[in-house]
Amino acid sequence: MEALDALLHRVSVPRLLDPAPNAAQREVLFQAALRAPDHGQLRPWRFLTVEGQAREKLGELLAEAVKLNGEASEAALDKARAMPLRAPLLVVVVARLQDHFKVPQSEQRLAAGCAAHSILLAAHAQGIGAVWRTGELSYSKHVAKGLGLEDNEEIVAFLYLGTPQNELRTAPVLDTADFVSAWG
């Protein structure tokens, strides 16, 4: 797939089935992520893969976080437990924030976000379905601790990857004039 095709036609794919990306496809995904813009070459990211029974373990961790947030209804707990089961592979994109004299943490966080986006583009280019999800549990200290994050790390994205269940939707064509203007 041509780079411009991936950039212009990538869409989120929320309905995902087995199989998950294979080892060669994953290598491409992560190599693409490592090419994200990175002021200072800090490499302010790392990635956790969650698949198989680890998805159920993550679901329990999410349910615990929901309980700690004060929502104890069985429906809310079941929803949290089911979240990681929506795809055969999840990639947790983690920003590794460092103190640096020249590169503020806000830039490092953006770089990790660019790495996540690169994974989405590389997935689309390989015919892999993918969707970026966050939500309040992404910011939970309990979830971060359960995933083994350090104090200087944050979850940027939960990327869900797998085989698209349905035909991909067509990306809407937006009018660039609605978003671009000259300054000065």
Protein backbone atom coordinates (compact mmCIF):
# COMPACT_ATOMS: atom_id res chain seq x y z
CA MET A 1 0.00 0.00 0.00
CA GLU A 2 1.25 3.47 -0.82
CA ALA A 3 1.95 5.79 2.10
CA LEU A 4 -0.53 8.43 0.92
CA ASP A 5 -3.23 5.80 0.55
CA ALA A 6 -2.74 4.76 4.18
CA LEU A 7 -2.74 8.37 5.35
CA LEU A 8 -5.85 9.31 3.38
CA HIS A 9 -7.96 6.19 3.88
CA ARG A 10 -7.17 4.78 7.34
CA VAL A 11 -10.29 4.37 9.45
CA SER A 12 -10.94 2.98 12.89
CA VAL A 13 -12.11 -0.64 12.86
CA PRO A 14 -14.00 -1.40 16.08
CA ARG A 15 -15.22 -4.93 15.20
CA LEU A 16 -12.21 -7.25 15.30
CA LEU A 17 -11.79 -11.01 15.17
CA ASP A 18 -9.01 -13.60 15.20
CA PRO A 19 -6.42 -13.94 13.94
CA ALA A 20 -4.25 -11.33 15.57
CA PRO A 21 -1.33 -9.89 13.61
CA ASN A 22 1.44 -12.46 13.18
CA ALA A 23 5.05 -11.98 14.29
CA ALA A 24 6.20 -10.47 10.99
CA GLN A 25 3.28 -8.04 10.92
CA ARG A 26 3.94 -7.03 14.54
CA GLU A 27 7.57 -6.32 13.73
CA VAL A 28 6.39 -3.90 11.03
CA LEU A 29 3.93 -2.28 13.46
CA PHE A 30 6.62 -1.65 16.07
CA GLN A 31 9.28 -0.61 13.56
CA ALA A 32 6.81 2.00 12.27
CA ALA A 33 6.19 3.19 15.84
CA LEU A 34 9.92 3.63 16.40
CA ARG A 35 10.03 6.09 13.47
CA ALA A 36 7.72 8.57 15.20
CA PRO A 37 9.00 12.14 15.58
CA ASP A 38 11.24 12.21 18.62
CA HIS A 39 12.83 15.53 19.59
CA GLY A 40 16.06 14.74 21.41
CA GLN A 41 15.91 11.05 20.47
CA LEU A 42 14.56 10.25 23.92
CA ARG A 43 12.39 7.40 22.69
CA PRO A 44 9.71 8.35 25.22
CA TRP A 45 7.55 5.30 24.67
CA ARG A 46 7.24 1.61 25.28
CA PHE A 47 4.61 -0.94 24.34
CA LEU A 48 2.88 -3.76 26.18
CA THR A 49 1.14 -6.52 24.23
CA VAL A 50 -1.90 -8.18 25.75
CA GLU A 51 -3.41 -11.30 24.20
CA GLY A 52 -4.84 -14.69 25.03
CA GLN A 53 -5.73 -15.14 28.69
CA ALA A 54 -3.89 -11.94 29.58
CA ARG A 55 -6.91 -10.09 28.12
CA GLU A 56 -9.10 -11.62 30.83
CA LYS A 57 -6.56 -10.62 33.47
CA LEU A 58 -6.61 -7.06 32.09
CA GLY A 59 -10.42 -7.16 32.22
CA GLU A 60 -10.26 -8.00 35.92
CA LEU A 61 -7.81 -5.14 36.48
CA LEU A 62 -10.19 -2.76 34.71
CA ALA A 63 -13.12 -4.03 36.80
CA GLU A 64 -11.12 -3.40 39.98
CA ALA A 65 -10.49 0.18 38.82
CA VAL A 66 -14.20 0.65 38.13
CA LYS A 67 -14.96 -0.50 41.69
CA LEU A 68 -12.38 1.92 43.09
CA ASN A 69 -14.09 4.71 41.13
CA GLY A 70 -17.26 3.94 43.08
CA GLU A 71 -19.19 2.17 40.30
CA ALA A 72 -20.03 -1.28 41.60
CA SER A 73 -23.00 -2.27 39.47
CA GLU A 74 -22.66 -5.70 37.93
CA ALA A 75 -23.31 -4.21 34.48
CA ALA A 76 -20.41 -1.75 34.86
CA LEU A 77 -18.07 -4.50 36.09
CA ASP A 78 -19.08 -6.84 33.27
CA LYS A 79 -18.51 -4.07 30.73
CA ALA A 80 -15.01 -3.43 32.10
CA ARG A 81 -14.18 -7.15 32.06
CA ALA A 82 -15.32 -7.43 28.43
CA MET A 83 -13.35 -4.45 27.10
CA PRO A 84 -10.08 -6.31 26.39
CA LEU A 85 -11.98 -9.15 24.73
CA ARG A 86 -13.01 -6.94 21.80
CA ALA A 87 -9.86 -7.83 19.85
CA PRO A 88 -7.35 -10.68 19.77
CA LEU A 89 -4.44 -8.31 20.44
CA LEU A 90 -4.16 -5.13 22.46
CA VAL A 91 -1.12 -2.89 22.44
CA VAL A 92 -0.83 -0.56 25.40
CA VAL A 93 1.15 2.49 24.32
CA VAL A 94 3.01 3.94 27.28
CA ALA A 95 4.63 7.38 27.41
CA ARG A 96 7.92 7.29 29.34
CA LEU A 97 8.22 10.90 30.49
CA GLN A 98 11.68 12.16 31.35
CA ASP A 99 13.04 15.39 32.77
CA HIS A 100 14.99 17.01 29.96
CA PHE A 101 16.42 20.51 29.66
CA LYS A 102 15.26 20.91 26.07
CA VAL A 103 12.30 18.56 25.54
CA PRO A 104 9.27 19.21 27.74
CA GLN A 105 7.15 16.28 28.83
CA SER A 106 4.27 17.58 26.72
CA GLU A 107 6.40 16.97 23.59
CA GLN A 108 7.34 13.52 24.84
CA ARG A 109 3.66 12.67 25.35
CA LEU A 110 2.92 13.85 21.81
CA ALA A 111 5.78 11.70 20.48
CA ALA A 112 4.27 8.63 22.16
CA GLY A 113 0.94 9.55 20.56
CA CYS A 114 2.66 9.74 17.19
CA ALA A 115 4.10 6.28 17.81
CA ALA A 116 0.56 5.01 18.48
CA HIS A 117 -0.67 6.62 15.26
CA SER A 118 2.18 5.05 13.33
CA ILE A 119 1.05 1.63 14.57
CA LEU A 120 -2.47 2.38 13.31
CA LEU A 121 -1.14 3.43 9.89
CA ALA A 122 1.12 0.38 9.63
CA ALA A 123 -1.81 -1.85 10.61
CA HIS A 124 -4.02 -0.34 7.90
CA ALA A 125 -1.25 -0.70 5.32
CA GLN A 126 -1.05 -4.43 6.14
CA GLY A 127 -4.83 -5.02 6.08
CA ILE A 128 -5.02 -5.32 9.87
CA GLY A 129 -8.01 -3.77 11.59
CA ALA A 130 -7.21 -1.39 14.42
CA VAL A 131 -8.84 1.13 16.71
CA TRP A 132 -7.41 3.50 19.33
CA ARG A 133 -9.35 3.55 22.59
CA THR A 134 -8.78 5.41 25.82
CA GLY A 135 -11.46 6.46 28.29
CA GLU A 136 -11.29 7.18 32.00
CA LEU A 137 -9.66 3.85 32.86
CA SER A 138 -6.64 4.86 30.76
CA TYR A 139 -5.91 7.48 33.42
CA SER A 140 -6.46 5.21 36.43
CA LYS A 141 -3.51 4.95 38.80
CA HIS A 142 -4.75 1.47 39.70
CA VAL A 143 -4.61 0.34 36.08
CA ALA A 144 -1.17 1.92 35.61
CA LYS A 145 0.15 0.14 38.70
CA GLY A 146 -1.41 -3.16 37.66
CA LEU A 147 0.30 -2.91 34.27
CA GLY A 148 3.63 -2.28 35.95
CA LEU A 149 4.03 1.34 34.92
CA GLU A 150 6.59 3.48 36.72
CA ASP A 151 5.70 6.84 38.31
CA ASN A 152 6.99 8.68 35.22
CA GLU A 153 4.87 6.63 32.80
CA GLU A 154 1.34 7.13 31.46
CA ILE A 155 -0.99 5.18 29.22
CA VAL A 156 -1.43 7.01 25.92
CA ALA A 157 -3.56 4.44 24.12
CA PHE A 158 -5.08 1.03 24.15
CA LEU A 159 -4.76 -0.09 20.53
CA TYR A 160 -7.05 -2.97 19.61
CA LEU A 161 -5.83 -5.03 16.64
CA GLY A 162 -7.17 -7.97 14.68
CA THR A 163 -8.95 -9.04 11.54
CA PRO A 164 -11.79 -6.73 10.48
CA GLN A 165 -15.18 -8.38 10.97
CA ASN A 166 -16.82 -6.19 8.33
CA GLU A 167 -15.87 -4.28 5.22
CA LEU A 168 -14.00 -1.10 6.08
CA ARG A 169 -16.10 2.02 5.99
CA THR A 170 -15.11 4.82 3.65
CA ALA A 171 -13.37 7.71 5.34
CA PRO A 172 -15.31 10.96 4.94
CA VAL A 173 -13.70 13.59 2.75
CA LEU A 174 -13.45 16.81 4.72
CA ASP A 175 -13.02 20.28 3.27
CA THR A 176 -9.53 21.45 4.19
CA ALA A 177 -10.73 25.07 4.05
CA ASP A 178 -12.66 24.37 7.26
CA PHE A 179 -9.38 23.71 9.08
CA VAL A 180 -6.66 25.71 7.30
CA SER A 181 -6.20 29.45 7.25
CA ALA A 182 -3.34 31.82 6.53
CA TRP A 183 -1.85 33.77 9.38
CA GLY A 184 -0.56 37.31 9.00
